[in-house]
Amino acid sequence: MTAANPKFPDISPSPRPSSVTDLFVSFSWLAMQGFGGVLAIVQRELVENKKWLSTEEFIEDWAVAQIMPGPNVVNIALMIGDRFYGWRGALAALAGMMALPLVVVLALSVALAGISHEPMVQGALKGMGAVSAGLIAGTGLKLISALKSNPMGRIACFVLAMLTLVAVAVLHIPLAWVLIGLGIPGFLWAYRTLSKSDSHEKASS
């Protein structure tokens, strides 16, 4: 078994993938379940089933994946693979996430090429979109419990979440401006809170 990447030591005593092959198979299985949206499946597989990450760790990793260029789930696959097995793990997780879905998408594209305009097909796609939205909303509700230990406090987290929702869903502000306008104040508030906590710990020790 290859040693964990020394640059990113395990941040919790949780279970870990047994090999690079395990990473590939796990992310392949995860990708094949992610119809219409992978967030709910990623959280269930990595946190609840495999326990490779705690809820808090998953939220932190997903937050980083959100602000990086590219698809969120691809970013988090690269991060988790690299954490456990370095660049080989990152490539294995990425390959698992992309290989089988690529084959499925190509096959569906060929199969639906002549019938994509049919009302039945259009209705099925709209139905899957609604299910995807429900999955994402349900996962968001699951992750709320992790805010109890957030250094900013639950009230600040709730205010930031509501402002983000209004900015994106109601005002339709581009995501880049939302990240700058709300992400930077959130970062500064968290930094201030953590600095105060460190100062109190040093003073009491």
Protein backbone atom coordinates (compact mmCIF):
# COMPACT_ATOMS: atom_id res chain seq x y z
CA MET A 1 0.00 0.00 0.00
CA THR A 2 1.29 3.42 -0.90
CA ALA A 3 1.83 5.85 1.96
CA ALA A 4 -0.41 8.86 2.30
CA ASN A 5 0.75 12.09 0.74
CA PRO A 6 3.04 13.74 3.36
CA LYS A 7 2.02 17.22 2.19
CA PHE A 8 -1.58 16.55 3.21
CA PRO A 9 -1.61 14.33 6.32
CA ASP A 10 -4.83 12.69 7.36
CA ILE A 11 -6.82 15.27 9.30
CA SER A 12 -8.97 12.72 11.11
CA PRO A 13 -8.65 9.06 12.18
CA SER A 14 -11.41 8.07 9.77
CA PRO A 15 -11.17 5.07 7.40
CA ARG A 16 -9.27 5.49 4.15
CA PRO A 17 -9.27 3.88 0.69
CA SER A 18 -7.26 0.65 0.71
CA SER A 19 -5.51 1.34 -2.61
CA VAL A 20 -5.47 3.45 -5.75
CA THR A 21 -7.71 0.84 -7.34
CA ASP A 22 -10.19 1.28 -4.49
CA LEU A 23 -10.27 5.02 -5.24
CA PHE A 24 -10.95 4.35 -8.93
CA VAL A 25 -13.73 1.84 -8.25
CA SER A 26 -15.32 3.97 -5.54
CA PHE A 27 -15.46 7.10 -7.67
CA SER A 28 -16.68 5.09 -10.67
CA TRP A 29 -19.56 3.76 -8.57
CA LEU A 30 -20.21 7.24 -7.22
CA ALA A 31 -20.28 8.77 -10.70
CA MET A 32 -22.72 6.17 -12.01
CA GLN A 33 -25.22 7.11 -9.28
CA GLY A 34 -25.06 10.85 -9.90
CA PHE A 35 -27.89 11.34 -12.39
CA GLY A 36 -28.77 15.03 -12.58
CA GLY A 37 -26.53 16.07 -9.70
CA VAL A 38 -23.71 14.41 -7.79
CA LEU A 39 -23.59 16.46 -4.57
CA ALA A 40 -26.08 14.29 -2.70
CA ILE A 41 -24.36 11.08 -3.81
CA VAL A 42 -20.87 12.36 -2.96
CA GLN A 43 -21.93 13.33 0.55
CA ARG A 44 -23.69 10.01 1.17
CA GLU A 45 -20.88 7.82 -0.19
CA LEU A 46 -17.84 9.63 1.21
CA VAL A 47 -19.25 10.77 4.56
CA GLU A 48 -22.04 8.37 5.55
CA ASN A 49 -21.04 5.10 3.87
CA LYS A 50 -17.26 5.05 3.51
CA LYS A 51 -16.58 7.61 6.28
CA TRP A 52 -13.46 8.86 4.49
CA LEU A 53 -14.43 12.39 5.56
CA SER A 54 -16.36 13.87 8.46
CA THR A 55 -19.25 16.21 7.70
CA GLU A 56 -17.10 19.20 8.65
CA GLU A 57 -14.23 18.06 6.43
CA PHE A 58 -16.60 17.45 3.53
CA ILE A 59 -18.06 20.97 3.81
CA GLU A 60 -14.58 22.52 3.91
CA ASP A 61 -13.41 20.51 0.88
CA TRP A 62 -16.61 21.22 -1.03
CA ALA A 63 -16.26 24.95 -0.30
CA VAL A 64 -12.77 24.92 -1.84
CA ALA A 65 -14.06 22.88 -4.80
CA GLN A 66 -16.84 25.45 -5.32
CA ILE A 67 -14.50 28.41 -5.75
CA MET A 68 -11.99 26.60 -7.99
CA PRO A 69 -12.44 26.59 -11.77
CA GLY A 70 -14.12 23.51 -13.22
CA PRO A 71 -16.86 21.12 -12.07
CA ASN A 72 -17.14 20.88 -8.28
CA VAL A 73 -17.22 17.10 -8.12
CA VAL A 74 -14.14 16.79 -10.34
CA ASN A 75 -12.27 19.21 -8.09
CA ILE A 76 -13.19 17.31 -4.95
CA ALA A 77 -12.23 13.98 -6.55
CA LEU A 78 -8.78 15.39 -7.32
CA MET A 79 -8.41 16.77 -3.79
CA ILE A 80 -9.41 13.55 -2.05
CA GLY A 81 -7.34 11.34 -4.34
CA ASP A 82 -4.28 13.53 -3.80
CA ARG A 83 -4.81 13.58 -0.04
CA PHE A 84 -4.62 9.79 0.24
CA TYR A 85 -2.25 8.73 -2.57
CA GLY A 86 -0.69 11.84 -4.08
CA TRP A 87 -0.84 12.48 -7.80
CA ARG A 88 -1.59 8.82 -8.56
CA GLY A 89 -4.63 8.95 -6.31
CA ALA A 90 -5.77 12.21 -7.91
CA LEU A 91 -5.57 10.68 -11.40
CA ALA A 92 -7.31 7.47 -10.26
CA ALA A 93 -10.19 9.39 -8.66
CA LEU A 94 -10.51 11.62 -11.72
CA ALA A 95 -10.50 8.63 -14.10
CA GLY A 96 -13.14 6.90 -12.01
CA MET A 97 -15.30 10.01 -12.01
CA MET A 98 -15.08 10.53 -15.78
CA ALA A 99 -14.63 7.18 -17.61
CA LEU A 100 -17.96 5.36 -17.25
CA PRO A 101 -20.15 8.51 -17.37
CA LEU A 102 -18.43 9.45 -20.62
CA VAL A 103 -19.39 6.11 -22.15
CA VAL A 104 -22.97 6.43 -20.87
CA VAL A 105 -23.36 10.01 -22.17
CA LEU A 106 -22.04 9.08 -25.61
CA ALA A 107 -24.38 6.09 -25.76
CA LEU A 108 -27.38 8.18 -24.69
CA SER A 109 -26.49 10.90 -27.19
CA VAL A 110 -26.59 8.37 -29.99
CA ALA A 111 -29.80 6.76 -28.69
CA LEU A 112 -31.67 10.05 -28.18
CA ALA A 113 -30.44 11.82 -31.31
CA GLY A 114 -33.63 11.11 -33.23
CA ILE A 115 -36.20 11.33 -30.44
CA SER A 116 -34.97 14.21 -28.25
CA HIS A 117 -37.85 16.40 -29.46
CA GLU A 118 -40.52 13.91 -28.38
CA PRO A 119 -42.80 15.16 -25.54
CA MET A 120 -42.18 11.99 -23.52
CA VAL A 121 -38.41 12.49 -23.60
CA GLN A 122 -38.73 16.19 -22.76
CA GLY A 123 -41.00 15.35 -19.83
CA ALA A 124 -38.57 12.74 -18.53
CA LEU A 125 -35.69 15.22 -18.61
CA LYS A 126 -37.74 17.86 -16.77
CA GLY A 127 -38.72 15.29 -14.17
CA MET A 128 -35.10 14.33 -13.56
CA GLY A 129 -34.25 18.02 -13.14
CA ALA A 130 -36.85 18.32 -10.36
CA VAL A 131 -35.50 15.22 -8.62
CA SER A 132 -31.97 16.61 -8.85
CA ALA A 133 -33.05 19.86 -7.21
CA GLY A 134 -34.70 17.89 -4.41
CA LEU A 135 -31.55 15.82 -3.85
CA ILE A 136 -29.39 18.92 -3.58
CA ALA A 137 -31.85 20.61 -1.19
CA GLY A 138 -31.99 17.48 0.99
CA THR A 139 -28.21 17.27 1.16
CA GLY A 140 -28.01 20.93 2.13
CA LEU A 141 -30.36 20.28 5.04
CA LYS A 142 -28.18 17.35 6.16
CA LEU A 143 -25.07 19.51 6.16
CA ILE A 144 -26.60 22.25 8.32
CA SER A 145 -25.64 20.29 11.46
CA ALA A 146 -21.96 20.92 10.72
CA LEU A 147 -22.47 24.66 11.27
CA LYS A 148 -22.69 24.05 15.02
CA SER A 149 -18.89 23.84 15.16
CA ASN A 150 -18.22 26.61 12.63
CA PRO A 151 -16.00 29.30 14.21
CA MET A 152 -18.14 32.11 12.76
CA GLY A 153 -21.19 30.97 14.70
CA ARG A 154 -24.55 29.80 13.40
CA ILE A 155 -26.09 33.26 13.10
CA ALA A 156 -23.30 34.59 10.86
CA CYS A 157 -23.43 31.41 8.76
CA PHE A 158 -27.20 31.71 8.38
CA VAL A 159 -26.97 35.38 7.35
CA LEU A 160 -24.29 34.62 4.74
CA ALA A 161 -26.30 31.67 3.40
CA MET A 162 -29.48 33.76 3.07
CA LEU A 163 -27.62 36.64 1.40
CA THR A 164 -26.06 34.18 -1.05
CA LEU A 165 -29.45 32.64 -1.82
CA VAL A 166 -31.00 36.05 -2.48
CA ALA A 167 -28.06 37.21 -4.59
CA VAL A 168 -28.06 34.10 -6.79
CA ALA A 169 -31.71 33.02 -6.93
CA VAL A 170 -33.53 36.36 -6.72
CA LEU A 171 -31.16 39.04 -7.97
CA HIS A 172 -29.34 36.76 -10.45
CA ILE A 173 -25.95 38.27 -9.64
CA PRO A 174 -23.07 36.45 -11.40
CA LEU A 175 -21.41 33.88 -9.13
CA ALA A 176 -17.98 35.54 -9.37
CA TRP A 177 -19.37 38.76 -7.88
CA VAL A 178 -21.21 36.84 -5.18
CA LEU A 179 -17.98 35.09 -4.18
CA ILE A 180 -16.12 38.39 -4.02
CA GLY A 181 -18.90 40.34 -2.32
CA LEU A 182 -19.81 37.72 0.31
CA GLY A 183 -16.83 35.38 0.32
CA ILE A 184 -14.27 37.99 1.30
CA PRO A 185 -16.29 39.35 4.26
CA GLY A 186 -16.96 35.76 5.36
CA PHE A 187 -13.25 34.96 5.17
CA LEU A 188 -12.33 38.07 7.17
CA TRP A 189 -14.96 37.32 9.84
CA ALA A 190 -13.75 33.72 10.19
CA TYR A 191 -10.13 34.87 10.36
CA ARG A 192 -11.00 37.41 13.06
CA THR A 193 -12.91 34.83 15.08
CA LEU A 194 -10.12 32.25 14.85
CA SER A 195 -7.49 34.84 15.78
CA LYS A 196 -9.47 35.78 18.89
CA SER A 197 -9.82 32.12 19.82
CA ASP A 198 -6.08 31.55 19.44
CA SER A 199 -5.33 34.62 21.55
CA HIS A 200 -7.60 33.38 24.36
CA GLU A 201 -5.99 29.92 24.27
CA LYS A 202 -2.47 31.38 24.47
CA ALA A 203 -3.49 33.68 27.31
CA SER A 204 -5.00 30.84 29.31
CA SER A 205 -2.04 28.47 28.78
